Protein backbone atom coordinates (compact mmCIF):
# COMPACT_ATOMS: atom_id res chain seq x y z
CA MET A 1 -7.95 6.47 18.45
CA ASN A 2 -4.85 6.18 20.25
CA ILE A 3 -2.03 3.62 18.76
CA LEU A 4 -2.44 0.20 20.07
CA ASN A 5 -0.09 -0.58 22.89
CA THR A 6 -0.21 -4.32 22.05
CA HIS A 7 1.79 -3.54 19.05
CA ASN A 8 5.37 -1.85 17.89
CA HIS A 9 4.75 0.72 15.26
CA ARG A 10 7.20 2.13 12.64
CA LEU A 11 6.76 4.74 9.84
CA VAL A 12 8.20 3.45 6.98
CA PHE A 13 8.99 5.57 3.52
CA CYS A 14 10.42 4.01 0.28
CA ILE A 15 11.09 5.30 -3.16
CA ASP A 16 9.15 3.73 -5.99
CA ASP A 17 11.46 0.45 -7.27
CA ASP A 18 11.07 1.87 -10.92
CA ALA A 19 12.47 5.10 -10.23
CA PRO A 20 15.16 7.00 -12.43
CA LYS A 21 18.85 6.45 -11.03
CA GLU A 22 18.77 10.33 -10.82
CA TYR A 23 15.84 10.13 -8.29
CA ILE A 24 17.35 7.31 -6.31
CA LYS A 25 20.48 9.41 -6.16
CA ARG A 26 18.79 12.16 -4.34
CA TRP A 27 16.48 9.84 -2.35
CA SER A 28 19.92 8.52 -1.00
CA GLU A 29 21.06 12.07 -0.34
CA PHE A 30 17.95 12.82 1.54
CA LYS A 31 17.96 9.49 3.40
CA LEU A 32 21.39 10.36 4.88
CA LYS A 33 20.16 13.88 5.96
CA CYS A 34 17.35 12.26 7.74
CA GLU A 35 19.29 9.27 9.62
CA SER A 36 22.35 11.14 10.50
CA GLY A 37 21.09 13.09 13.32
CA ASN A 38 21.37 16.09 11.44
CA ASN A 39 17.74 16.61 10.83
CA LYS A 40 16.38 19.42 12.84
CA HIS A 41 15.43 21.46 9.52
CA ILE A 42 13.68 18.39 8.38
CA VAL A 43 11.43 17.93 10.94
CA GLU A 44 10.58 21.79 10.82
CA GLN A 45 9.58 21.48 7.62
CA ILE A 46 7.45 18.48 8.21
CA LYS A 47 5.80 20.34 11.00
CA GLU A 48 4.95 23.08 8.38
CA TYR A 49 3.09 20.41 6.06
CA CYS A 50 1.17 18.91 8.78
CA LYS A 51 -2.46 19.70 8.99
CA LEU A 52 -3.11 18.98 12.37
CA GLU A 53 -2.34 21.50 15.15
CA THR A 54 -1.22 18.77 17.69
CA ASN A 55 1.41 17.86 15.20
CA LYS A 56 2.50 21.56 13.92
CA ALA A 57 3.14 22.48 17.87
CA ILE A 58 5.36 19.40 18.54
CA SER A 59 8.94 20.08 19.27
CA TYR A 60 11.92 18.55 17.53
CA LEU A 61 13.65 15.49 19.83
CA ASN A 62 17.04 16.41 20.45
CA ARG A 63 18.55 12.98 20.37
CA MET A 64 21.53 11.60 18.47
CA GLU A 65 19.20 10.21 15.85
CA GLY A 66 16.78 13.16 16.33
CA GLY A 67 13.14 13.25 15.53
CA ILE A 68 9.74 14.58 16.64
CA GLY A 69 8.46 15.06 20.45
CA GLY A 70 9.75 16.57 23.61
CA ASP A 71 13.01 15.61 24.94
CA ASN A 72 11.53 14.21 28.28
CA ASN A 73 11.18 10.46 27.88
CA SER A 74 8.73 9.96 30.67
CA ILE A 75 6.27 12.82 29.83
CA HIS A 76 6.49 13.55 26.08
CA LYS A 77 5.62 11.08 22.92
CA GLN A 78 8.59 10.50 20.59
CA LEU A 79 8.92 9.47 16.96
CA ARG A 80 12.50 8.89 16.29
CA PHE A 81 14.31 8.60 13.05
CA ARG A 82 16.25 5.42 12.53
CA ASN A 83 20.03 5.80 12.71
CA SER A 84 21.31 3.94 9.73
CA ILE A 85 25.06 5.38 10.25
CA VAL A 86 25.30 2.18 12.45
CA GLY A 87 25.44 0.12 9.19
CA ILE A 88 21.95 -0.65 8.15
CA ASN A 89 21.97 -0.34 3.98
CA ASP A 90 18.73 -0.44 2.63
CA ASN A 91 16.32 1.81 0.73
CA HIS A 92 13.72 3.03 3.52
CA ILE A 93 13.55 6.01 5.80
CA ILE A 94 11.90 4.84 8.96
CA PHE A 95 10.96 6.28 12.20
CA ASP A 96 11.85 3.25 14.10
CA GLN A 97 10.70 4.15 17.22
CA VAL A 98 7.04 5.35 17.73
CA VAL A 99 7.12 6.29 21.58
CA ASN A 100 3.98 6.40 23.73
CA THR A 101 4.05 7.72 27.66
CA ASP A 102 1.49 7.47 30.27
CA ILE A 103 0.94 11.12 29.81
CA GLU A 104 0.85 11.78 25.82
CA LYS A 105 -0.16 8.98 23.28
CA TRP A 106 0.32 9.13 19.37
CA THR A 107 -3.06 8.55 17.37
CA TYR A 108 -3.33 7.02 14.13
CA ASP A 109 -4.72 10.39 12.60
CA GLU A 110 -1.42 12.23 13.99
CA LEU A 111 0.66 9.39 12.56
CA ASP A 112 -1.16 9.46 8.90
CA ASP A 113 -0.82 13.34 9.22
CA LEU A 114 2.94 13.14 9.68
CA ILE A 115 3.38 10.42 6.80
CA TYR A 116 1.71 12.89 4.49
CA ALA A 117 3.82 15.92 5.60
CA PHE A 118 6.68 13.74 5.17
CA THR A 119 6.18 12.29 1.71
CA LYS A 120 5.50 15.78 0.66
CA ILE A 121 8.94 16.61 1.97
CA ALA A 122 10.69 13.61 0.45
CA ASN A 123 9.23 14.18 -2.93
CA TYR A 124 9.91 17.57 -3.04
CA ASN A 125 14.12 16.67 -2.30
CA VAL A 126 13.84 13.77 -4.84
CA LYS A 127 11.90 16.33 -7.26
CA ALA A 128 9.39 13.73 -8.52
CA LYS A 129 6.40 12.17 -7.04
CA CYS A 130 7.75 8.56 -6.40
CA VAL A 131 8.01 8.38 -2.35
CA SER A 132 5.26 6.76 -0.33
CA GLY A 133 5.08 5.89 3.53
CA TYR A 134 3.10 3.35 5.72
CA ILE A 135 2.60 2.80 9.15
CA GLU A 136 4.24 -0.97 10.02
CA MET A 137 2.71 -2.69 13.02
CA ARG A 138 4.26 -5.82 15.06
CA ASN A 139 2.36 -7.54 17.69
CA ASN A 140 4.31 -7.48 20.53
CA ASP A 141 3.75 -11.12 21.15
CA SER A 142 4.21 -12.47 18.05
CA TYR A 143 6.69 -14.63 18.84
CA SER A 144 4.63 -16.23 21.32
CA ASP A 145 2.47 -19.64 20.79
CA ASN A 146 -0.46 -17.81 22.44
CA TYR A 147 -0.20 -14.62 20.91
CA LEU A 148 -3.59 -13.99 20.51
CA ASP A 149 -4.86 -15.37 23.92
CA SER A 150 -5.57 -12.36 25.95
CA ASP A 151 -4.45 -14.26 29.15
CA SER A 152 -1.06 -14.46 27.58
CA GLU A 153 -0.28 -10.89 28.86
């Protein structure tokens, strides 16, 4: 099933709140690598752990923030790392732009597969099984008083 076009999606990864300081230190170092734009090697590792051939075959997104998907915005679906260098200081690694095009669309199975693969890579870098991920969805019209009304489109 293609992702809903009525919602914004993000892939969010976090380390357990009770993780020891040494794990959190490694997580912070890994987070910096992911969100600094120098992450092509991480994307290649993610693709190796993916189960779906569609995810294994997808290109690296050669943008400032890096990510997954082809470089042509009008043709290729994309999944972009959040660039936390601009002052965001939290404990999450986020793919904050899940972009569909008229030609290529993400499916929930593909996003789940990427969560599985990224979690494997993150836990390897932290040297523990304390990282998890999820799909975050927000209704595009959530600030509208009539967000449930199909006529509000």
